[in-house]
């Protein structure tokens, strides 16, 4: 199975995330926290999975809990995610 997100730590081999690794809201918040400090990346496939699994509204809420992306509105957050999907 292709990995859907990757964290560069712990070294030397990092952490690979698959669908089963991000099946709860708390795990998504944790991944967003790692992204915020530039320790993790989320692939296009992972964004699509997260959107299908949690929906835009819930991802916006989880992002706000994490404090990763500074988006004031759900519309702004949607544009951010669309940009991430297009550029991955």
PDB file of N, CA and C in Angstrom:
ATOM      1  N   UNK A   1       0.831  -1.175   0.000  1.00  0.00           N
ATOM      2  CA  UNK A   1       0.000   0.000   0.000  1.00  0.00           C
ATOM      3  C   UNK A   1       0.881   1.245   0.000  1.00  0.00           C
ATOM      4  N   UNK A   2       0.492   2.236  -0.767  1.00  0.00           N
ATOM      5  CA  UNK A   2       1.228   3.487  -0.830  1.00  0.00           C
ATOM      6  C   UNK A   2       1.002   4.285   0.447  1.00  0.00           C
ATOM      7  N   UNK A   3       2.082   4.880   0.969  1.00  0.00           N
ATOM      8  CA  UNK A   3       1.906   5.681   2.168  1.00  0.00           C
ATOM      9  C   UNK A   3       1.192   6.979   1.816  1.00  0.00           C
ATOM     10  N   UNK A   4       0.517   7.544   2.809  1.00  0.00           N
ATOM     11  CA  UNK A   4      -0.316   8.713   2.572  1.00  0.00           C
ATOM     12  C   UNK A   4       0.161   9.951   3.303  1.00  0.00           C
ATOM     13  N   UNK A   5       1.056   9.786   4.243  1.00  0.00           N
ATOM     14  CA  UNK A   5       1.681  10.908   4.932  1.00  0.00           C
ATOM     15  C   UNK A   5       3.014  10.392   5.454  1.00  0.00           C
ATOM     16  N   UNK A   6       3.936  11.308   5.723  1.00  0.00           N
ATOM     17  CA  UNK A   6       5.251  10.897   6.165  1.00  0.00           C
ATOM     18  C   UNK A   6       5.791  11.903   7.168  1.00  0.00           C
ATOM     19  N   UNK A   7       6.336  11.410   8.255  1.00  0.00           N
ATOM     20  CA  UNK A   7       7.003  12.241   9.259  1.00  0.00           C
ATOM     21  C   UNK A   7       8.482  11.907   9.225  1.00  0.00           C
ATOM     22  N   UNK A   8       9.336  12.925   9.178  1.00  0.00           N
ATOM     23  CA  UNK A   8      10.771  12.680   9.024  1.00  0.00           C
ATOM     24  C   UNK A   8      11.433  12.189  10.299  1.00  0.00           C
ATOM     25  N   UNK A   9      10.739  12.258  11.430  1.00  0.00           N
ATOM     26  CA  UNK A   9      11.288  11.791  12.690  1.00  0.00           C
ATOM     27  C   UNK A   9      10.472  10.609  13.179  1.00  0.00           C
ATOM     28  N   UNK A  10      10.909   9.741  14.005  1.00  0.00           N
ATOM     29  CA  UNK A  10      12.260   9.716  14.553  1.00  0.00           C
ATOM     30  C   UNK A  10      13.266   9.223  13.519  1.00  0.00           C
ATOM     31  N   UNK A  11      14.418   9.790  13.591  1.00  0.00           N
ATOM     32  CA  UNK A  11      15.471   9.397  12.669  1.00  0.00           C
ATOM     33  C   UNK A  11      16.005   8.037  13.068  1.00  0.00           C
ATOM     34  N   UNK A  12      16.581   7.245  12.225  1.00  0.00           N
ATOM     35  CA  UNK A  12      16.944   7.585  10.856  1.00  0.00           C
ATOM     36  C   UNK A  12      15.874   7.266   9.822  1.00  0.00           C
ATOM     37  N   UNK A  13      14.830   6.513  10.158  1.00  0.00           N
ATOM     38  CA  UNK A  13      13.931   6.109   9.083  1.00  0.00           C
ATOM     39  C   UNK A  13      12.578   6.814   9.080  1.00  0.00           C
ATOM     40  N   UNK A  14      12.253   7.587  10.071  1.00  0.00           N
ATOM     41  CA  UNK A  14      11.005   8.340  10.071  1.00  0.00           C
ATOM     42  C   UNK A  14       9.787   7.493  10.385  1.00  0.00           C
ATOM     43  N   UNK A  15       8.616   8.092  10.165  1.00  0.00           N
ATOM     44  CA  UNK A  15       7.338   7.442  10.417  1.00  0.00           C
ATOM     45  C   UNK A  15       6.484   7.546   9.176  1.00  0.00           C
ATOM     46  N   UNK A  16       5.959   6.444   8.711  1.00  0.00           N
ATOM     47  CA  UNK A  16       5.076   6.420   7.554  1.00  0.00           C
ATOM     48  C   UNK A  16       3.653   6.210   8.043  1.00  0.00           C
ATOM     49  N   UNK A  17       2.727   7.010   7.517  1.00  0.00           N
ATOM     50  CA  UNK A  17       1.323   6.909   7.906  1.00  0.00           C
ATOM     51  C   UNK A  17       0.510   6.272   6.787  1.00  0.00           C
ATOM     52  N   UNK A  18      -0.309   5.314   7.164  1.00  0.00           N
ATOM     53  CA  UNK A  18      -1.258   4.676   6.255  1.00  0.00           C
ATOM     54  C   UNK A  18      -2.671   5.018   6.731  1.00  0.00           C
ATOM     55  N   UNK A  19      -3.676   4.604   5.991  1.00  0.00           N
ATOM     56  CA  UNK A  19      -5.064   4.923   6.344  1.00  0.00           C
ATOM     57  C   UNK A  19      -5.400   4.538   7.781  1.00  0.00           C
ATOM     58  N   UNK A  20      -4.978   3.386   8.198  1.00  0.00           N
ATOM     59  CA  UNK A  20      -5.304   2.916   9.550  1.00  0.00           C
ATOM     60  C   UNK A  20      -4.607   3.720  10.648  1.00  0.00           C
ATOM     61  N   UNK A  21      -3.577   4.480  10.283  1.00  0.00           N
ATOM     62  CA  UNK A  21      -2.848   5.274  11.266  1.00  0.00           C
ATOM     63  C   UNK A  21      -3.530   6.608  11.574  1.00  0.00           C
ATOM     64  N   UNK A  22      -4.504   6.993  10.763  1.00  0.00           N
ATOM     65  CA  UNK A  22      -5.176   8.276  10.969  1.00  0.00           C
ATOM     66  C   UNK A  22      -6.687   8.078  11.016  1.00  0.00           C
ATOM     67  N   UNK A  23      -7.102   7.165  11.861  1.00  0.00           N
ATOM     68  CA  UNK A  23      -8.520   6.813  11.914  1.00  0.00           C
ATOM     69  C   UNK A  23      -9.282   7.500  13.043  1.00  0.00           C
ATOM     70  N   UNK A  24      -8.608   8.342  13.816  1.00  0.00           N
ATOM     71  CA  UNK A  24      -9.292   9.085  14.877  1.00  0.00           C
ATOM     72  C   UNK A  24      -8.958  10.570  14.762  1.00  0.00           C
ATOM     73  N   UNK A  25      -9.816  11.381  15.339  1.00  0.00           N
ATOM     74  CA  UNK A  25      -9.588  12.825  15.315  1.00  0.00           C
ATOM     75  C   UNK A  25      -8.280  13.186  16.011  1.00  0.00           C
ATOM     76  N   UNK A  26      -7.983  12.536  17.120  1.00  0.00           N
ATOM     77  CA  UNK A  26      -6.753  12.843  17.862  1.00  0.00           C
ATOM     78  C   UNK A  26      -5.508  12.560  17.023  1.00  0.00           C
ATOM     79  N   UNK A  27      -5.532  11.504  16.237  1.00  0.00           N
ATOM     80  CA  UNK A  27      -4.385  11.175  15.390  1.00  0.00           C
ATOM     81  C   UNK A  27      -4.217  12.207  14.281  1.00  0.00           C
ATOM     82  N   UNK A  28      -5.326  12.734  13.771  1.00  0.00           N
ATOM     83  CA  UNK A  28      -5.246  13.775  12.739  1.00  0.00           C
ATOM     84  C   UNK A  28      -4.671  15.053  13.342  1.00  0.00           C
ATOM     85  N   UNK A  29      -5.109  15.403  14.530  1.00  0.00           N
ATOM     86  CA  UNK A  29      -4.562  16.587  15.212  1.00  0.00           C
ATOM     87  C   UNK A  29      -3.060  16.419  15.410  1.00  0.00           C
ATOM     88  N   UNK A  30      -2.645  15.232  15.813  1.00  0.00           N
ATOM     89  CA  UNK A  30      -1.217  14.956  16.009  1.00  0.00           C
ATOM     90  C   UNK A  30      -0.447  15.138  14.697  1.00  0.00           C
ATOM     91  N   UNK A  31      -0.987  14.632  13.597  1.00  0.00           N
ATOM     92  CA  UNK A  31      -0.328  14.798  12.307  1.00  0.00           C
ATOM     93  C   UNK A  31      -0.257  16.277  11.932  1.00  0.00           C
ATOM     94  N   UNK A  32      -1.349  17.015  12.128  1.00  0.00           N
ATOM     95  CA  UNK A  32      -1.343  18.449  11.839  1.00  0.00           C
ATOM     96  C   UNK A  32      -0.291  19.163  12.688  1.00  0.00           C
ATOM     97  N   UNK A  33      -0.142  18.747  13.942  1.00  0.00           N
ATOM     98  CA  UNK A  33       0.894  19.335  14.805  1.00  0.00           C
ATOM     99  C   UNK A  33       2.288  19.103  14.227  1.00  0.00           C
ATOM    100  N   UNK A  34       2.535  17.895  13.733  1.00  0.00           N
ATOM    101  CA  UNK A  34       3.838  17.604  13.128  1.00  0.00           C
ATOM    102  C   UNK A  34       4.044  18.412  11.841  1.00  0.00           C
ATOM    103  N   UNK A  35       2.980  18.588  11.070  1.00  0.00           N
ATOM    104  CA  UNK A  35       3.073  19.406   9.856  1.00  0.00           C
ATOM    105  C   UNK A  35       3.399  20.851  10.208  1.00  0.00           C
ATOM    106  N   UNK A  36       2.822  21.318  11.285  1.00  0.00           N
ATOM    107  CA  UNK A  36       3.026  22.701  11.717  1.00  0.00           C
ATOM    108  C   UNK A  36       4.486  22.987  12.021  1.00  0.00           C
ATOM    109  N   UNK A  37       5.209  22.017  12.556  1.00  0.00           N
ATOM    110  CA  UNK A  37       6.622  22.231  12.875  1.00  0.00           C
ATOM    111  C   UNK A  37       7.531  21.637  11.793  1.00  0.00           C
ATOM    112  N   UNK A  38       6.938  21.410  10.627  1.00  0.00           N
ATOM    113  CA  UNK A  38       7.657  20.959   9.428  1.00  0.00           C
ATOM    114  C   UNK A  38       8.337  19.607   9.595  1.00  0.00           C
ATOM    115  N   UNK A  39       7.726  18.745  10.407  1.00  0.00           N
ATOM    116  CA  UNK A  39       8.243  17.394  10.577  1.00  0.00           C
ATOM    117  C   UNK A  39       7.489  16.367   9.751  1.00  0.00           C
ATOM    118  N   UNK A  40       6.362  16.768   9.144  1.00  0.00           N
ATOM    119  CA  UNK A  40       5.552  15.816   8.387  1.00  0.00           C
ATOM    120  C   UNK A  40       4.983  16.478   7.138  1.00  0.00           C
ATOM    121  N   UNK A  41       4.660  15.622   6.159  1.00  0.00           N
ATOM    122  CA  UNK A  41       3.983  16.071   4.944  1.00  0.00           C
ATOM    123  C   UNK A  41       2.752  15.197   4.732  1.00  0.00           C
ATOM    124  N   UNK A  42       1.762  15.772   4.050  1.00  0.00           N
ATOM    125  CA  UNK A  42       0.542  15.028   3.729  1.00  0.00           C
ATOM    126  C   UNK A  42       0.433  14.957   2.213  1.00  0.00           C
ATOM    127  N   UNK A  43       0.302  13.756   1.689  1.00  0.00           N
ATOM    128  CA  UNK A  43       0.208  13.578   0.242  1.00  0.00           C
ATOM    129  C   UNK A  43      -1.200  13.919  -0.261  1.00  0.00           C
ATOM    130  N   UNK A  44      -1.306  14.050  -1.568  1.00  0.00           N
ATOM    131  CA  UNK A  44      -2.603  14.306  -2.207  1.00  0.00           C
ATOM    132  C   UNK A  44      -3.613  13.229  -1.816  1.00  0.00           C
ATOM    133  N   UNK A  45      -3.193  11.975  -1.870  1.00  0.00           N
ATOM    134  CA  UNK A  45      -4.077  10.873  -1.528  1.00  0.00           C
ATOM    135  C   UNK A  45      -4.566  10.958  -0.091  1.00  0.00           C
ATOM    136  N   UNK A  46      -3.698  11.387   0.811  1.00  0.00           N
ATOM    137  CA  UNK A  46      -4.079  11.534   2.216  1.00  0.00           C
ATOM    138  C   UNK A  46      -5.101  12.646   2.377  1.00  0.00           C
ATOM    139  N   UNK A  47      -4.910  13.781   1.704  1.00  0.00           N
ATOM    140  CA  UNK A  47      -5.905  14.852   1.791  1.00  0.00           C
ATOM    141  C   UNK A  47      -7.266  14.356   1.314  1.00  0.00           C
ATOM    142  N   UNK A  48      -7.271  13.621   0.222  1.00  0.00           N
ATOM    143  CA  UNK A  48      -8.536  13.089  -0.294  1.00  0.00           C
ATOM    144  C   UNK A  48      -9.160  12.120   0.709  1.00  0.00           C
ATOM    145  N   UNK A  49      -8.332  11.263   1.299  1.00  0.00           N
ATOM    146  CA  UNK A  49      -8.807  10.334   2.324  1.00  0.00           C
ATOM    147  C   UNK A  49      -9.374  11.092   3.524  1.00  0.00           C
ATOM    148  N   UNK A  50      -8.646  12.093   4.002  1.00  0.00           N
ATOM    149  CA  UNK A  50      -9.105  12.870   5.154  1.00  0.00           C
ATOM    150  C   UNK A  50     -10.421  13.578   4.857  1.00  0.00           C
ATOM    151  N   UNK A  51     -10.557  14.122   3.653  1.00  0.00           N
ATOM    152  CA  UNK A  51     -11.797  14.792   3.270  1.00  0.00           C
ATOM    153  C   UNK A  51     -12.956  13.798   3.249  1.00  0.00           C
ATOM    154  N   UNK A  52     -12.715  12.617   2.671  1.00  0.00           N
ATOM    155  CA  UNK A  52     -13.762  11.589   2.611  1.00  0.00           C
ATOM    156  C   UNK A  52     -14.127  11.063   3.999  1.00  0.00           C
ATOM    157  N   UNK A  53     -13.139  10.920   4.857  1.00  0.00           N
ATOM    158  CA  UNK A  53     -13.349  10.337   6.175  1.00  0.00           C
ATOM    159  C   UNK A  53     -13.963  11.324   7.170  1.00  0.00           C
ATOM    160  N   UNK A  54     -13.428  12.538   7.216  1.00  0.00           N
ATOM    161  CA  UNK A  54     -13.835  13.484   8.247  1.00  0.00           C
ATOM    162  C   UNK A  54     -14.700  14.631   7.725  1.00  0.00           C
ATOM    163  N   UNK A  55     -14.577  14.963   6.453  1.00  0.00           N
ATOM    164  CA  UNK A  55     -15.330  16.090   5.903  1.00  0.00           C
ATOM    165  C   UNK A  55     -14.628  17.413   6.172  1.00  0.00           C
ATOM    166  N   UNK A  56     -14.962  18.404   5.385  1.00  0.00           N
ATOM    167  CA  UNK A  56     -14.308  19.712   5.468  1.00  0.00           C
ATOM    168  C   UNK A  56     -14.536  20.388   6.819  1.00  0.00           C
ATOM    169  N   UNK A  57     -15.767  20.364   7.300  1.00  0.00           N
ATOM    170  CA  UNK A  57     -16.083  21.048   8.554  1.00  0.00           C
ATOM    171  C   UNK A  57     -15.270  20.481   9.719  1.00  0.00           C
ATOM    172  N   UNK A  58     -15.198  19.161   9.822  1.00  0.00           N
ATOM    173  CA  UNK A  58     -14.451  18.532  10.915  1.00  0.00           C
ATOM    174  C   UNK A  58     -12.952  18.784  10.774  1.00  0.00           C
ATOM    175  N   UNK A  59     -12.413  18.720   9.537  1.00  0.00           N
ATOM    176  CA  UNK A  59     -10.991  18.999   9.343  1.00  0.00           C
ATOM    177  C   UNK A  59     -10.666  20.431   9.735  1.00  0.00           C
ATOM    178  N   UNK A  60     -11.569  21.362   9.424  1.00  0.00           N
ATOM    179  CA  UNK A  60     -11.389  22.756   9.819  1.00  0.00           C
ATOM    180  C   UNK A  60     -11.329  22.858  11.348  1.00  0.00           C
ATOM    181  N   UNK A  61     -12.224  22.162  12.035  1.00  0.00           N
ATOM    182  CA  UNK A  61     -12.221  22.156  13.495  1.00  0.00           C
ATOM    183  C   UNK A  61     -10.922  21.562  14.046  1.00  0.00           C
ATOM    184  N   UNK A  62     -10.481  20.444  13.472  1.00  0.00           N
ATOM    185  CA  UNK A  62      -9.248  19.799  13.930  1.00  0.00           C
ATOM    186  C   UNK A  62      -8.043  20.684  13.670  1.00  0.00           C
ATOM    187  N   UNK A  63      -8.035  21.361  12.525  1.00  0.00           N
ATOM    188  CA  UNK A  63      -6.962  22.303  12.212  1.00  0.00           C
ATOM    189  C   UNK A  63      -6.917  23.419  13.254  1.00  0.00           C
ATOM    190  N   UNK A  64      -8.072  23.931  13.635  1.00  0.00           N
ATOM    191  CA  UNK A  64      -8.115  25.006  14.619  1.00  0.00           C
ATOM    192  C   UNK A  64      -7.639  24.537  15.987  1.00  0.00           C
ATOM    193  N   UNK A  65      -7.938  23.294  16.346  1.00  0.00           N
ATOM    194  CA  UNK A  65      -7.433  22.736  17.605  1.00  0.00           C
ATOM    195  C   UNK A  65      -5.909  22.645  17.542  1.00  0.00           C
ATOM    196  N   UNK A  66      -5.393  22.172  16.410  1.00  0.00           N
ATOM    197  CA  UNK A  66      -3.952  22.045  16.224  1.00  0.00           C
ATOM    198  C   UNK A  66      -3.274  23.408  16.123  1.00  0.00           C
ATOM    199  N   UNK A  67      -3.934  24.342  15.465  1.00  0.00           N
ATOM    200  CA  UNK A  67      -3.314  25.648  15.233  1.00  0.00           C
ATOM    201  C   UNK A  67      -2.367  25.657  14.055  1.00  0.00           C
ATOM    202  N   UNK A  68      -2.512  24.661  13.152  1.00  0.00           N
ATOM    203  CA  UNK A  68      -1.582  24.544  12.032  1.00  0.00           C
ATOM    204  C   UNK A  68      -1.765  25.674  11.027  1.00  0.00           C
ATOM    205  N   UNK A  69      -2.839  25.671  10.270  1.00  0.00           N
ATOM    206  CA  UNK A  69      -3.076  26.699   9.257  1.00  0.00           C
ATOM    207  C   UNK A  69      -3.925  27.814   9.851  1.00  0.00           C
ATOM    208  N   UNK A  70      -3.490  29.042   9.630  1.00  0.00           N
ATOM    209  CA  UNK A  70      -4.187  30.206  10.163  1.00  0.00           C
ATOM    210  C   UNK A  70      -5.288  30.625   9.198  1.00  0.00           C
ATOM    211  N   UNK A  71      -6.389  29.900   9.236  1.00  0.00           N
ATOM    212  CA  UNK A  71      -7.541  30.172   8.368  1.00  0.00           C
ATOM    213  C   UNK A  71      -8.701  30.627   9.245  1.00  0.00           C
ATOM    214  N   UNK A  72      -9.255  31.801   8.930  1.00  0.00           N
ATOM    215  CA  UNK A  72     -10.336  32.353   9.742  1.00  0.00           C
ATOM    216  C   UNK A  72     -11.696  31.749   9.425  1.00  0.00           C
ATOM    217  N   UNK A  73     -11.871  31.292   8.189  1.00  0.00           N
ATOM    218  CA  UNK A  73     -13.172  30.760   7.781  1.00  0.00           C
ATOM    219  C   UNK A  73     -13.001  29.391   7.135  1.00  0.00           C
ATOM    220  N   UNK A  74     -14.092  28.661   7.096  1.00  0.00           N
ATOM    221  CA  UNK A  74     -14.069  27.352   6.449  1.00  0.00           C
ATOM    222  C   UNK A  74     -13.812  27.504   4.947  1.00  0.00           C
ATOM    223  N   UNK A  75     -14.275  28.595   4.358  1.00  0.00           N
ATOM    224  CA  UNK A  75     -14.027  28.853   2.926  1.00  0.00           C
ATOM    225  C   UNK A  75     -12.537  29.040   2.654  1.00  0.00           C
ATOM    226  N   UNK A  76     -11.875  29.758   3.531  1.00  0.00           N
ATOM    227  CA  UNK A  76     -10.430  29.967   3.410  1.00  0.00           C
ATOM    228  C   UNK A  76      -9.693  28.633   3.563  1.00  0.00           C
ATOM    229  N   UNK A  77     -10.137  27.820   4.505  1.00  0.00           N
ATOM    230  CA  UNK A  77      -9.507  26.514   4.721  1.00  0.00           C
ATOM    231  C   UNK A  77      -9.722  25.601   3.512  1.00  0.00           C
ATOM    232  N   UNK A  78     -10.899  25.662   2.929  1.00  0.00           N
ATOM    233  CA  UNK A  78     -11.186  24.871   1.730  1.00  0.00           C
ATOM    234  C   UNK A  78     -10.233  25.244   0.602  1.00  0.00           C
ATOM    235  N   UNK A  79      -9.980  26.530   0.416  1.00  0.00           N
ATOM    236  CA  UNK A  79      -9.030  26.971  -0.616  1.00  0.00           C
ATOM    237  C   UNK A  79      -7.630  26.448  -0.325  1.00  0.00           C
ATOM    238  N   UNK A  80      -7.246  26.442   0.948  1.00  0.00           N
ATOM    239  CA  UNK A  80      -5.940  25.909   1.328  1.00  0.00           C
ATOM    240  C   UNK A  80      -5.824  24.433   0.951  1.00  0.00           C
ATOM    241  N   UNK A  81      -6.838  23.638   1.323  1.00  0.00           N
ATOM    242  CA  UNK A  81      -6.797  22.206   1.035  1.00  0.00           C
ATOM    243  C   UNK A  81      -6.795  21.961  -0.474  1.00  0.00           C
ATOM    244  N   UNK A  82      -7.618  22.680  -1.222  1.00  0.00           N
ATOM    245  CA  UNK A  82      -7.645  22.534  -2.675  1.00  0.00           C
ATOM    246  C   UNK A  82      -6.272  22.820  -3.272  1.00  0.00           C
ATOM    247  N   UNK A  83      -5.598  23.831  -2.757  1.00  0.00           N
ATOM    248  CA  UNK A  83      -4.247  24.145  -3.218  1.00  0.00           C
ATOM    249  C   UNK A  83      -3.261  23.035  -2.887  1.00  0.00           C
ATOM    250  N   UNK A  84      -3.368  22.467  -1.707  1.00  0.00           N
ATOM    251  CA  UNK A  84      -2.500  21.353  -1.314  1.00  0.00           C
ATOM    252  C   UNK A  84      -2.724  20.150  -2.230  1.00  0.00           C
ATOM    253  N   UNK A  85      -3.969  19.854  -2.543  1.00  0.00           N
ATOM    254  CA  UNK A  85      -4.285  18.712  -3.401  1.00  0.00           C
ATOM    255  C   UNK A  85      -3.739  18.924  -4.815  1.00  0.00           C
ATOM    256  N   UNK A  86      -3.862  20.127  -5.317  1.00  0.00           N
ATOM    257  CA  UNK A  86      -3.402  20.415  -6.687  1.00  0.00           C
ATOM    258  C   UNK A  86      -1.886  20.403  -6.813  1.00  0.00           C
ATOM    259  N   UNK A  87      -1.172  20.707  -5.736  1.00  0.00           N
ATOM    260  CA  UNK A  87       0.284  20.848  -5.813  1.00  0.00           C
ATOM    261  C   UNK A  87       1.047  19.644  -5.301  1.00  0.00           C
ATOM    262  N   UNK A  88       0.364  18.582  -4.976  1.00  0.00           N
ATOM    263  CA  UNK A  88       1.063  17.380  -4.461  1.00  0.00           C
ATOM    264  C   UNK A  88       1.221  16.364  -5.551  1.00  0.00           C
TER     265      UNK A  88
END
